[in-house]
């Protein structure tokens, strides 16, 4: 939680909603409380502070990506809520390319949340 709060401070200072978070060396599973806090408190607050949903590209191990794909029907780059848009990747170039696409202007009546 502390690391995410520091990330928000830096994102606010730089006015950047485009993040790469490298989780390849961290734990594969976080406590359920952390997920609840991120969903109910953190990412809605981030959206409010930045004025738009953050676009977060997570770098994960191939094993973690496979585990995530087993639990979701959508592609790992299509996970979004009104508060945040996630992409999951195993390589930095793919994550950076995805973030670049997220920076492109969208039509006003786009279905993007």
PDB file of N, CA and C in Angstrom:
ATOM      1  N   UNK A   1       0.816  -1.187   0.000  1.00  0.00           N
ATOM      2  CA  UNK A   1       0.000   0.000   0.000  1.00  0.00           C
ATOM      3  C   UNK A   1       0.867   1.261   0.000  1.00  0.00           C
ATOM      4  N   UNK A   2       1.907   1.217   0.781  1.00  0.00           N
ATOM      5  CA  UNK A   2       2.799   2.374   0.866  1.00  0.00           C
ATOM      6  C   UNK A   2       3.431   2.677  -0.492  1.00  0.00           C
ATOM      7  N   UNK A   3       3.864   1.647  -1.201  1.00  0.00           N
ATOM      8  CA  UNK A   3       4.470   1.830  -2.517  1.00  0.00           C
ATOM      9  C   UNK A   3       3.478   2.453  -3.493  1.00  0.00           C
ATOM     10  N   UNK A   4       2.234   2.000  -3.445  1.00  0.00           N
ATOM     11  CA  UNK A   4       1.217   2.566  -4.331  1.00  0.00           C
ATOM     12  C   UNK A   4       0.932   4.023  -3.993  1.00  0.00           C
ATOM     13  N   UNK A   5       0.977   4.374  -2.728  1.00  0.00           N
ATOM     14  CA  UNK A   5       0.778   5.771  -2.348  1.00  0.00           C
ATOM     15  C   UNK A   5       1.929   6.642  -2.867  1.00  0.00           C
ATOM     16  N   UNK A   6       3.157   6.132  -2.803  1.00  0.00           N
ATOM     17  CA  UNK A   6       4.309   6.865  -3.344  1.00  0.00           C
ATOM     18  C   UNK A   6       4.149   7.024  -4.862  1.00  0.00           C
ATOM     19  N   UNK A   7       3.691   5.977  -5.516  1.00  0.00           N
ATOM     20  CA  UNK A   7       3.448   6.044  -6.961  1.00  0.00           C
ATOM     21  C   UNK A   7       2.435   7.140  -7.281  1.00  0.00           C
ATOM     22  N   UNK A   8       1.393   7.246  -6.494  1.00  0.00           N
ATOM     23  CA  UNK A   8       0.395   8.284  -6.722  1.00  0.00           C
ATOM     24  C   UNK A   8       0.988   9.683  -6.545  1.00  0.00           C
ATOM     25  N   UNK A   9       1.830   9.865  -5.557  1.00  0.00           N
ATOM     26  CA  UNK A   9       2.484  11.163  -5.355  1.00  0.00           C
ATOM     27  C   UNK A   9       3.294  11.543  -6.589  1.00  0.00           C
ATOM     28  N   UNK A  10       4.077  10.602  -7.104  1.00  0.00           N
ATOM     29  CA  UNK A  10       4.892  10.886  -8.296  1.00  0.00           C
ATOM     30  C   UNK A  10       4.019  11.108  -9.526  1.00  0.00           C
ATOM     31  N   UNK A  11       2.980  10.314  -9.691  1.00  0.00           N
ATOM     32  CA  UNK A  11       2.078  10.472 -10.835  1.00  0.00           C
ATOM     33  C   UNK A  11       1.373  11.827 -10.785  1.00  0.00           C
ATOM     34  N   UNK A  12       0.996  12.253  -9.592  1.00  0.00           N
ATOM     35  CA  UNK A  12       0.348  13.554  -9.440  1.00  0.00           C
ATOM     36  C   UNK A  12       1.328  14.665  -9.785  1.00  0.00           C
ATOM     37  N   UNK A  13       2.534  14.561  -9.276  1.00  0.00           N
ATOM     38  CA  UNK A  13       3.559  15.580  -9.546  1.00  0.00           C
ATOM     39  C   UNK A  13       3.831  15.707 -11.041  1.00  0.00           C
ATOM     40  N   UNK A  14       3.899  14.574 -11.732  1.00  0.00           N
ATOM     41  CA  UNK A  14       4.211  14.579 -13.169  1.00  0.00           C
ATOM     42  C   UNK A  14       2.961  14.598 -14.046  1.00  0.00           C
ATOM     43  N   UNK A  15       1.785  14.583 -13.398  1.00  0.00           N
ATOM     44  CA  UNK A  15       0.497  14.569 -14.106  1.00  0.00           C
ATOM     45  C   UNK A  15       0.445  13.451 -15.145  1.00  0.00           C
ATOM     46  N   UNK A  16       0.831  12.262 -14.709  1.00  0.00           N
ATOM     47  CA  UNK A  16       0.895  11.122 -15.610  1.00  0.00           C
ATOM     48  C   UNK A  16      -0.007   9.984 -15.157  1.00  0.00           C
ATOM     49  N   UNK A  17      -1.002   9.639 -15.990  1.00  0.00           N
ATOM     50  CA  UNK A  17      -1.835   8.479 -15.689  1.00  0.00           C
ATOM     51  C   UNK A  17      -1.323   7.194 -16.354  1.00  0.00           C
ATOM     52  N   UNK A  18      -0.143   7.248 -16.971  1.00  0.00           N
ATOM     53  CA  UNK A  18       0.403   6.109 -17.722  1.00  0.00           C
ATOM     54  C   UNK A  18       1.547   5.487 -16.931  1.00  0.00           C
ATOM     55  N   UNK A  19       1.304   4.289 -16.409  1.00  0.00           N
ATOM     56  CA  UNK A  19       2.247   3.671 -15.487  1.00  0.00           C
ATOM     57  C   UNK A  19       2.690   2.301 -15.974  1.00  0.00           C
ATOM     58  N   UNK A  20       3.944   1.972 -15.679  1.00  0.00           N
ATOM     59  CA  UNK A  20       4.450   0.602 -15.796  1.00  0.00           C
ATOM     60  C   UNK A  20       4.813   0.164 -14.382  1.00  0.00           C
ATOM     61  N   UNK A  21       4.252  -0.972 -13.973  1.00  0.00           N
ATOM     62  CA  UNK A  21       4.533  -1.517 -12.643  1.00  0.00           C
ATOM     63  C   UNK A  21       5.138  -2.902 -12.842  1.00  0.00           C
ATOM     64  N   UNK A  22       6.382  -3.044 -12.446  1.00  0.00           N
ATOM     65  CA  UNK A  22       7.098  -4.312 -12.629  1.00  0.00           C
ATOM     66  C   UNK A  22       6.880  -5.198 -11.409  1.00  0.00           C
ATOM     67  N   UNK A  23       6.106  -6.250 -11.605  1.00  0.00           N
ATOM     68  CA  UNK A  23       5.802  -7.189 -10.524  1.00  0.00           C
ATOM     69  C   UNK A  23       6.538  -8.512 -10.706  1.00  0.00           C
ATOM     70  N   UNK A  24       7.503  -8.565 -11.581  1.00  0.00           N
ATOM     71  CA  UNK A  24       8.163  -9.840 -11.882  1.00  0.00           C
ATOM     72  C   UNK A  24       8.981 -10.373 -10.721  1.00  0.00           C
ATOM     73  N   UNK A  25       9.439  -9.511  -9.830  1.00  0.00           N
ATOM     74  CA  UNK A  25      10.247 -10.014  -8.716  1.00  0.00           C
ATOM     75  C   UNK A  25       9.493 -10.024  -7.393  1.00  0.00           C
ATOM     76  N   UNK A  26       8.249  -9.602  -7.401  1.00  0.00           N
ATOM     77  CA  UNK A  26       7.467  -9.568  -6.168  1.00  0.00           C
ATOM     78  C   UNK A  26       6.669 -10.839  -5.975  1.00  0.00           C
ATOM     79  N   UNK A  27       5.845 -10.856  -4.955  1.00  0.00           N
ATOM     80  CA  UNK A  27       5.011 -12.044  -4.707  1.00  0.00           C
ATOM     81  C   UNK A  27       3.963 -12.198  -5.804  1.00  0.00           C
ATOM     82  N   UNK A  28       3.652 -13.440  -6.142  1.00  0.00           N
ATOM     83  CA  UNK A  28       2.652 -13.694  -7.174  1.00  0.00           C
ATOM     84  C   UNK A  28       1.238 -13.441  -6.673  1.00  0.00           C
ATOM     85  N   UNK A  29       1.012 -13.617  -5.426  1.00  0.00           N
ATOM     86  CA  UNK A  29      -0.321 -13.442  -4.847  1.00  0.00           C
ATOM     87  C   UNK A  29      -0.279 -12.356  -3.784  1.00  0.00           C
ATOM     88  N   UNK A  30      -1.184 -11.404  -3.894  1.00  0.00           N
ATOM     89  CA  UNK A  30      -1.322 -10.404  -2.841  1.00  0.00           C
ATOM     90  C   UNK A  30      -2.529 -10.757  -1.986  1.00  0.00           C
ATOM     91  N   UNK A  31      -2.573 -10.245  -0.773  1.00  0.00           N
ATOM     92  CA  UNK A  31      -3.739 -10.511   0.084  1.00  0.00           C
ATOM     93  C   UNK A  31      -5.014  -9.943  -0.529  1.00  0.00           C
ATOM     94  N   UNK A  32      -6.126 -10.584  -0.268  1.00  0.00           N
ATOM     95  CA  UNK A  32      -7.424 -10.125  -0.776  1.00  0.00           C
ATOM     96  C   UNK A  32      -7.726  -8.704  -0.297  1.00  0.00           C
ATOM     97  N   UNK A  33      -7.263  -8.366   0.896  1.00  0.00           N
ATOM     98  CA  UNK A  33      -7.502  -7.024   1.427  1.00  0.00           C
ATOM     99  C   UNK A  33      -6.862  -5.957   0.538  1.00  0.00           C
ATOM    100  N   UNK A  34      -5.695  -6.264  -0.022  1.00  0.00           N
ATOM    101  CA  UNK A  34      -5.018  -5.314  -0.898  1.00  0.00           C
ATOM    102  C   UNK A  34      -5.849  -5.086  -2.158  1.00  0.00           C
ATOM    103  N   UNK A  35      -6.370  -6.153  -2.744  1.00  0.00           N
ATOM    104  CA  UNK A  35      -7.194  -6.022  -3.944  1.00  0.00           C
ATOM    105  C   UNK A  35      -8.450  -5.204  -3.649  1.00  0.00           C
ATOM    106  N   UNK A  36      -9.075  -5.453  -2.508  1.00  0.00           N
ATOM    107  CA  UNK A  36     -10.267  -4.692  -2.131  1.00  0.00           C
ATOM    108  C   UNK A  36      -9.936  -3.218  -1.950  1.00  0.00           C
ATOM    109  N   UNK A  37      -8.845  -2.933  -1.277  1.00  0.00           N
ATOM    110  CA  UNK A  37      -8.436  -1.550  -1.053  1.00  0.00           C
ATOM    111  C   UNK A  37      -8.155  -0.845  -2.374  1.00  0.00           C
ATOM    112  N   UNK A  38      -7.454  -1.535  -3.292  1.00  0.00           N
ATOM    113  CA  UNK A  38      -7.160  -0.915  -4.594  1.00  0.00           C
ATOM    114  C   UNK A  38      -8.449  -0.627  -5.358  1.00  0.00           C
ATOM    115  N   UNK A  39      -9.367  -1.574  -5.352  1.00  0.00           N
ATOM    116  CA  UNK A  39     -10.606  -1.431  -6.108  1.00  0.00           C
ATOM    117  C   UNK A  39     -11.542  -0.394  -5.492  1.00  0.00           C
ATOM    118  N   UNK A  40     -11.681  -0.408  -4.185  1.00  0.00           N
ATOM    119  CA  UNK A  40     -12.667   0.443  -3.525  1.00  0.00           C
ATOM    120  C   UNK A  40     -12.147   1.822  -3.126  1.00  0.00           C
ATOM    121  N   UNK A  41     -10.850   1.943  -2.880  1.00  0.00           N
ATOM    122  CA  UNK A  41     -10.301   3.203  -2.396  1.00  0.00           C
ATOM    123  C   UNK A  41      -9.249   3.784  -3.345  1.00  0.00           C
ATOM    124  N   UNK A  42      -8.203   3.012  -3.590  1.00  0.00           N
ATOM    125  CA  UNK A  42      -7.028   3.565  -4.266  1.00  0.00           C
ATOM    126  C   UNK A  42      -7.313   4.036  -5.693  1.00  0.00           C
ATOM    127  N   UNK A  43      -7.752   3.141  -6.578  1.00  0.00           N
ATOM    128  CA  UNK A  43      -7.909   3.537  -7.973  1.00  0.00           C
ATOM    129  C   UNK A  43      -9.023   4.564  -8.185  1.00  0.00           C
ATOM    130  N   UNK A  44     -10.138   4.521  -7.450  1.00  0.00           N
ATOM    131  CA  UNK A  44     -11.083   5.646  -7.577  1.00  0.00           C
ATOM    132  C   UNK A  44     -10.456   6.981  -7.152  1.00  0.00           C
ATOM    133  N   UNK A  45      -9.623   6.944  -6.116  1.00  0.00           N
ATOM    134  CA  UNK A  45      -8.929   8.163  -5.667  1.00  0.00           C
ATOM    135  C   UNK A  45      -7.918   8.628  -6.714  1.00  0.00           C
ATOM    136  N   UNK A  46      -7.187   7.678  -7.310  1.00  0.00           N
ATOM    137  CA  UNK A  46      -6.229   8.023  -8.365  1.00  0.00           C
ATOM    138  C   UNK A  46      -6.957   8.700  -9.515  1.00  0.00           C
ATOM    139  N   UNK A  47      -8.082   8.114  -9.923  1.00  0.00           N
ATOM    140  CA  UNK A  47      -8.850   8.704 -11.024  1.00  0.00           C
ATOM    141  C   UNK A  47      -9.278  10.132 -10.671  1.00  0.00           C
ATOM    142  N   UNK A  48      -9.742  10.337  -9.463  1.00  0.00           N
ATOM    143  CA  UNK A  48     -10.173  11.671  -9.043  1.00  0.00           C
ATOM    144  C   UNK A  48      -9.006  12.659  -9.055  1.00  0.00           C
ATOM    145  N   UNK A  49      -7.856  12.245  -8.554  1.00  0.00           N
ATOM    146  CA  UNK A  49      -6.691  13.126  -8.482  1.00  0.00           C
ATOM    147  C   UNK A  49      -6.147  13.450  -9.875  1.00  0.00           C
ATOM    148  N   UNK A  50      -6.070  12.447 -10.749  1.00  0.00           N
ATOM    149  CA  UNK A  50      -5.496  12.652 -12.080  1.00  0.00           C
ATOM    150  C   UNK A  50      -6.516  13.145 -13.109  1.00  0.00           C
ATOM    151  N   UNK A  51      -7.803  13.040 -12.781  1.00  0.00           N
ATOM    152  CA  UNK A  51      -8.829  13.500 -13.700  1.00  0.00           C
ATOM    153  C   UNK A  51      -9.164  12.519 -14.808  1.00  0.00           C
ATOM    154  N   UNK A  52      -8.644  11.329 -14.727  1.00  0.00           N
ATOM    155  CA  UNK A  52      -8.931  10.276 -15.694  1.00  0.00           C
ATOM    156  C   UNK A  52      -8.452   8.952 -15.121  1.00  0.00           C
ATOM    157  N   UNK A  53      -8.957   7.839 -15.649  1.00  0.00           N
ATOM    158  CA  UNK A  53      -8.487   6.547 -15.130  1.00  0.00           C
ATOM    159  C   UNK A  53      -7.015   6.337 -15.463  1.00  0.00           C
ATOM    160  N   UNK A  54      -6.248   5.820 -14.525  1.00  0.00           N
ATOM    161  CA  UNK A  54      -4.861   5.494 -14.859  1.00  0.00           C
ATOM    162  C   UNK A  54      -4.820   4.308 -15.817  1.00  0.00           C
ATOM    163  N   UNK A  55      -3.806   4.291 -16.649  1.00  0.00           N
ATOM    164  CA  UNK A  55      -3.539   3.197 -17.569  1.00  0.00           C
ATOM    165  C   UNK A  55      -2.309   2.484 -17.014  1.00  0.00           C
ATOM    166  N   UNK A  56      -2.482   1.287 -16.485  1.00  0.00           N
ATOM    167  CA  UNK A  56      -1.418   0.608 -15.759  1.00  0.00           C
ATOM    168  C   UNK A  56      -0.997  -0.647 -16.520  1.00  0.00           C
ATOM    169  N   UNK A  57       0.246  -0.662 -16.954  1.00  0.00           N
ATOM    170  CA  UNK A  57       0.822  -1.834 -17.616  1.00  0.00           C
ATOM    171  C   UNK A  57       1.643  -2.588 -16.574  1.00  0.00           C
ATOM    172  N   UNK A  58       1.165  -3.757 -16.184  1.00  0.00           N
ATOM    173  CA  UNK A  58       1.873  -4.594 -15.232  1.00  0.00           C
ATOM    174  C   UNK A  58       2.797  -5.546 -15.973  1.00  0.00           C
ATOM    175  N   UNK A  59       4.044  -5.614 -15.531  1.00  0.00           N
ATOM    176  CA  UNK A  59       4.983  -6.624 -16.027  1.00  0.00           C
ATOM    177  C   UNK A  59       4.955  -7.793 -15.057  1.00  0.00           C
ATOM    178  N   UNK A  60       4.687  -8.981 -15.579  1.00  0.00           N
ATOM    179  CA  UNK A  60       4.593 -10.181 -14.755  1.00  0.00           C
ATOM    180  C   UNK A  60       5.388 -11.302 -15.409  1.00  0.00           C
ATOM    181  N   UNK A  61       5.622 -12.355 -14.665  1.00  0.00           N
ATOM    182  CA  UNK A  61       6.315 -13.523 -15.217  1.00  0.00           C
ATOM    183  C   UNK A  61       5.370 -14.257 -16.166  1.00  0.00           C
ATOM    184  N   UNK A  62       5.920 -15.047 -17.089  1.00  0.00           N
ATOM    185  CA  UNK A  62       5.048 -15.837 -17.969  1.00  0.00           C
ATOM    186  C   UNK A  62       4.096 -16.745 -17.186  1.00  0.00           C
ATOM    187  N   UNK A  63       4.554 -17.323 -16.084  1.00  0.00           N
ATOM    188  CA  UNK A  63       3.694 -18.186 -15.274  1.00  0.00           C
ATOM    189  C   UNK A  63       2.537 -17.392 -14.667  1.00  0.00           C
ATOM    190  N   UNK A  64       2.813 -16.189 -14.196  1.00  0.00           N
ATOM    191  CA  UNK A  64       1.765 -15.347 -13.628  1.00  0.00           C
ATOM    192  C   UNK A  64       0.770 -14.924 -14.706  1.00  0.00           C
ATOM    193  N   UNK A  65       1.254 -14.592 -15.894  1.00  0.00           N
ATOM    194  CA  UNK A  65       0.353 -14.225 -16.986  1.00  0.00           C
ATOM    195  C   UNK A  65      -0.567 -15.392 -17.342  1.00  0.00           C
ATOM    196  N   UNK A  66      -0.026 -16.602 -17.392  1.00  0.00           N
ATOM    197  CA  UNK A  66      -0.849 -17.782 -17.685  1.00  0.00           C
ATOM    198  C   UNK A  66      -1.913 -17.976 -16.604  1.00  0.00           C
ATOM    199  N   UNK A  67      -1.543 -17.779 -15.345  1.00  0.00           N
ATOM    200  CA  UNK A  67      -2.498 -17.906 -14.249  1.00  0.00           C
ATOM    201  C   UNK A  67      -3.605 -16.867 -14.363  1.00  0.00           C
ATOM    202  N   UNK A  68      -3.234 -15.641 -14.704  1.00  0.00           N
ATOM    203  CA  UNK A  68      -4.228 -14.584 -14.861  1.00  0.00           C
ATOM    204  C   UNK A  68      -5.182 -14.890 -16.017  1.00  0.00           C
ATOM    205  N   UNK A  69      -4.643 -15.396 -17.109  1.00  0.00           N
ATOM    206  CA  UNK A  69      -5.471 -15.701 -18.275  1.00  0.00           C
ATOM    207  C   UNK A  69      -6.459 -16.827 -17.984  1.00  0.00           C
ATOM    208  N   UNK A  70      -6.104 -17.740 -17.108  1.00  0.00           N
ATOM    209  CA  UNK A  70      -7.021 -18.821 -16.730  1.00  0.00           C
ATOM    210  C   UNK A  70      -8.262 -18.290 -16.026  1.00  0.00           C
ATOM    211  N   UNK A  71      -8.132 -17.166 -15.333  1.00  0.00           N
ATOM    212  CA  UNK A  71      -9.227 -16.631 -14.534  1.00  0.00           C
ATOM    213  C   UNK A  71     -10.040 -15.558 -15.251  1.00  0.00           C
ATOM    214  N   UNK A  72      -9.659 -15.192 -16.450  1.00  0.00           N
ATOM    215  CA  UNK A  72     -10.359 -14.139 -17.187  1.00  0.00           C
ATOM    216  C   UNK A  72     -10.699 -14.617 -18.592  1.00  0.00           C
ATOM    217  N   UNK A  73     -11.846 -14.198 -19.093  1.00  0.00           N
ATOM    218  CA  UNK A  73     -12.247 -14.552 -20.455  1.00  0.00           C
ATOM    219  C   UNK A  73     -11.702 -13.560 -21.472  1.00  0.00           C
ATOM    220  N   UNK A  74     -11.340 -12.356 -21.027  1.00  0.00           N
ATOM    221  CA  UNK A  74     -10.872 -11.327 -21.946  1.00  0.00           C
ATOM    222  C   UNK A  74      -9.353 -11.343 -22.045  1.00  0.00           C
ATOM    223  N   UNK A  75      -8.848 -10.727 -23.082  1.00  0.00           N
ATOM    224  CA  UNK A  75      -7.396 -10.607 -23.260  1.00  0.00           C
ATOM    225  C   UNK A  75      -6.814  -9.774 -22.125  1.00  0.00           C
ATOM    226  N   UNK A  76      -5.574 -10.046 -21.740  1.00  0.00           N
ATOM    227  CA  UNK A  76      -5.001  -9.332 -20.596  1.00  0.00           C
ATOM    228  C   UNK A  76      -4.877  -7.827 -20.800  1.00  0.00           C
ATOM    229  N   UNK A  77      -4.930  -7.358 -22.035  1.00  0.00           N
ATOM    230  CA  UNK A  77      -4.837  -5.920 -22.276  1.00  0.00           C
ATOM    231  C   UNK A  77      -6.203  -5.240 -22.241  1.00  0.00           C
ATOM    232  N   UNK A  78      -7.261  -5.977 -21.989  1.00  0.00           N
ATOM    233  CA  UNK A  78      -8.603  -5.409 -22.054  1.00  0.00           C
ATOM    234  C   UNK A  78      -9.309  -5.366 -20.708  1.00  0.00           C
ATOM    235  N   UNK A  79      -8.608  -5.337 -19.637  1.00  0.00           N
ATOM    236  CA  UNK A  79      -9.224  -5.336 -18.319  1.00  0.00           C
ATOM    237  C   UNK A  79      -9.369  -3.899 -17.849  1.00  0.00           C
ATOM    238  N   UNK A  80     -10.595  -3.416 -17.828  1.00  0.00           N
ATOM    239  CA  UNK A  80     -10.778  -2.045 -17.365  1.00  0.00           C
ATOM    240  C   UNK A  80     -12.071  -1.905 -16.583  1.00  0.00           C
ATOM    241  N   UNK A  81     -12.063  -0.901 -15.753  1.00  0.00           N
ATOM    242  CA  UNK A  81     -13.221  -0.505 -14.971  1.00  0.00           C
ATOM    243  C   UNK A  81     -13.321   1.006 -15.146  1.00  0.00           C
ATOM    244  N   UNK A  82     -14.356   1.628 -14.627  1.00  0.00           N
ATOM    245  CA  UNK A  82     -14.395   3.090 -14.702  1.00  0.00           C
ATOM    246  C   UNK A  82     -13.229   3.762 -13.978  1.00  0.00           C
ATOM    247  N   UNK A  83     -12.598   3.059 -13.036  1.00  0.00           N
ATOM    248  CA  UNK A  83     -11.535   3.676 -12.235  1.00  0.00           C
ATOM    249  C   UNK A  83     -10.133   3.406 -12.761  1.00  0.00           C
ATOM    250  N   UNK A  84      -9.936   2.353 -13.572  1.00  0.00           N
ATOM    251  CA  UNK A  84      -8.577   1.978 -13.994  1.00  0.00           C
ATOM    252  C   UNK A  84      -8.654   1.077 -15.225  1.00  0.00           C
ATOM    253  N   UNK A  85      -7.601   1.136 -16.049  1.00  0.00           N
ATOM    254  CA  UNK A  85      -7.473   0.255 -17.212  1.00  0.00           C
ATOM    255  C   UNK A  85      -6.132  -0.467 -17.078  1.00  0.00           C
ATOM    256  N   UNK A  86      -6.199  -1.808 -17.023  1.00  0.00           N
ATOM    257  CA  UNK A  86      -5.004  -2.628 -16.828  1.00  0.00           C
ATOM    258  C   UNK A  86      -4.581  -3.305 -18.119  1.00  0.00           C
ATOM    259  N   UNK A  87      -3.289  -3.499 -18.246  1.00  0.00           N
ATOM    260  CA  UNK A  87      -2.710  -4.389 -19.232  1.00  0.00           C
ATOM    261  C   UNK A  87      -1.661  -5.229 -18.521  1.00  0.00           C
ATOM    262  N   UNK A  88      -1.553  -6.492 -18.915  1.00  0.00           N
ATOM    263  CA  UNK A  88      -0.601  -7.411 -18.280  1.00  0.00           C
ATOM    264  C   UNK A  88       0.347  -7.911 -19.350  1.00  0.00           C
ATOM    265  N   UNK A  89       1.648  -7.827 -19.090  1.00  0.00           N
ATOM    266  CA  UNK A  89       2.662  -8.139 -20.089  1.00  0.00           C
ATOM    267  C   UNK A  89       3.845  -8.847 -19.441  1.00  0.00           C
ATOM    268  N   UNK A  90       4.612  -9.550 -20.254  1.00  0.00           N
ATOM    269  CA  UNK A  90       5.824 -10.190 -19.754  1.00  0.00           C
ATOM    270  C   UNK A  90       7.083  -9.446 -20.207  1.00  0.00           C
ATOM    271  N   UNK A  91       6.942  -8.518 -21.152  1.00  0.00           N
ATOM    272  CA  UNK A  91       8.099  -7.788 -21.681  1.00  0.00           C
ATOM    273  C   UNK A  91       7.817  -6.287 -21.699  1.00  0.00           C
ATOM    274  N   UNK A  92       8.823  -5.501 -21.359  1.00  0.00           N
ATOM    275  CA  UNK A  92       8.679  -4.051 -21.324  1.00  0.00           C
ATOM    276  C   UNK A  92       8.301  -3.451 -22.684  1.00  0.00           C
ATOM    277  N   UNK A  93       8.896  -3.872 -23.819  1.00  0.00           N
ATOM    278  CA  UNK A  93       8.505  -3.258 -25.099  1.00  0.00           C
ATOM    279  C   UNK A  93       7.000  -3.395 -25.395  1.00  0.00           C
ATOM    280  N   UNK A  94       6.415  -4.525 -25.086  1.00  0.00           N
ATOM    281  CA  UNK A  94       4.980  -4.703 -25.316  1.00  0.00           C
ATOM    282  C   UNK A  94       4.174  -3.795 -24.388  1.00  0.00           C
ATOM    283  N   UNK A  95       4.604  -3.665 -23.154  1.00  0.00           N
ATOM    284  CA  UNK A  95       3.911  -2.789 -22.203  1.00  0.00           C
ATOM    285  C   UNK A  95       4.002  -1.332 -22.657  1.00  0.00           C
ATOM    286  N   UNK A  96       5.172  -0.912 -23.096  1.00  0.00           N
ATOM    287  CA  UNK A  96       5.364   0.465 -23.559  1.00  0.00           C
ATOM    288  C   UNK A  96       4.524   0.739 -24.807  1.00  0.00           C
ATOM    289  N   UNK A  97       4.454  -0.209 -25.713  1.00  0.00           N
ATOM    290  CA  UNK A  97       3.644  -0.037 -26.925  1.00  0.00           C
ATOM    291  C   UNK A  97       2.165   0.095 -26.565  1.00  0.00           C
ATOM    292  N   UNK A  98       1.698  -0.716 -25.620  1.00  0.00           N
ATOM    293  CA  UNK A  98       0.308  -0.644 -25.180  1.00  0.00           C
ATOM    294  C   UNK A  98       0.009   0.722 -24.558  1.00  0.00           C
ATOM    295  N   UNK A  99       0.915   1.209 -23.717  1.00  0.00           N
ATOM    296  CA  UNK A  99       0.711   2.519 -23.101  1.00  0.00           C
ATOM    297  C   UNK A  99       0.685   3.623 -24.156  1.00  0.00           C
ATOM    298  N   UNK A 100       1.507   3.490 -25.185  1.00  0.00           N
ATOM    299  CA  UNK A 100       1.513   4.484 -26.257  1.00  0.00           C
ATOM    300  C   UNK A 100       0.150   4.531 -26.947  1.00  0.00           C
ATOM    301  N   UNK A 101      -0.448   3.382 -27.187  1.00  0.00           N
ATOM    302  CA  UNK A 101      -1.783   3.326 -27.796  1.00  0.00           C
ATOM    303  C   UNK A 101      -2.805   3.986 -26.867  1.00  0.00           C
ATOM    304  N   UNK A 102      -2.662   3.786 -25.562  1.00  0.00           N
ATOM    305  CA  UNK A 102      -3.607   4.370 -24.606  1.00  0.00           C
ATOM    306  C   UNK A 102      -3.561   5.895 -24.623  1.00  0.00           C
ATOM    307  N   UNK A 103      -2.441   6.450 -25.033  1.00  0.00           N
ATOM    308  CA  UNK A 103      -2.283   7.905 -25.062  1.00  0.00           C
ATOM    309  C   UNK A 103      -2.984   8.542 -26.254  1.00  0.00           C
ATOM    310  N   UNK A 104      -3.347   7.723 -27.241  1.00  0.00           N
ATOM    311  CA  UNK A 104      -4.002   8.258 -28.441  1.00  0.00           C
ATOM    312  C   UNK A 104      -5.399   8.755 -28.094  1.00  0.00           C
ATOM    313  N   UNK A 105      -5.807   9.876 -28.696  1.00  0.00           N
ATOM    314  CA  UNK A 105      -7.162  10.379 -28.440  1.00  0.00           C
ATOM    315  C   UNK A 105      -8.214   9.365 -28.878  1.00  0.00           C
ATOM    316  N   UNK A 106      -9.289   9.317 -28.121  1.00  0.00           N
ATOM    317  CA  UNK A 106     -10.397   8.407 -28.427  1.00  0.00           C
ATOM    318  C   UNK A 106     -11.605   9.227 -28.882  1.00  0.00           C
ATOM    319  N   UNK A 107     -12.444   8.635 -29.728  1.00  0.00           N
ATOM    320  CA  UNK A 107     -13.654   9.339 -30.143  1.00  0.00           C
ATOM    321  C   UNK A 107     -14.528   9.663 -28.926  1.00  0.00           C
ATOM    322  N   UNK A 108     -15.290  10.758 -28.975  1.00  0.00           N
ATOM    323  CA  UNK A 108     -16.098  11.150 -27.813  1.00  0.00           C
ATOM    324  C   UNK A 108     -17.123  10.111 -27.399  1.00  0.00           C
ATOM    325  N   UNK A 109     -17.652   9.332 -28.322  1.00  0.00           N
ATOM    326  CA  UNK A 109     -18.651   8.330 -27.957  1.00  0.00           C
ATOM    327  C   UNK A 109     -18.066   6.932 -27.867  1.00  0.00           C
ATOM    328  N   UNK A 110     -16.794   6.864 -27.562  1.00  0.00           N
ATOM    329  CA  UNK A 110     -16.111   5.567 -27.417  1.00  0.00           C
ATOM    330  C   UNK A 110     -16.704   4.792 -26.254  1.00  0.00           C
ATOM    331  N   UNK A 111     -16.673   3.463 -26.375  1.00  0.00           N
ATOM    332  CA  UNK A 111     -17.207   2.628 -25.292  1.00  0.00           C
ATOM    333  C   UNK A 111     -16.206   2.433 -24.172  1.00  0.00           C
ATOM    334  N   UNK A 112     -15.029   3.016 -24.280  1.00  0.00           N
ATOM    335  CA  UNK A 112     -14.008   2.913 -23.246  1.00  0.00           C
ATOM    336  C   UNK A 112     -14.495   3.564 -21.971  1.00  0.00           C
ATOM    337  N   UNK A 113     -14.306   2.881 -20.855  1.00  0.00           N
ATOM    338  CA  UNK A 113     -14.757   3.425 -19.558  1.00  0.00           C
ATOM    339  C   UNK A 113     -13.767   4.420 -19.021  1.00  0.00           C
TER     340      UNK A 113
END
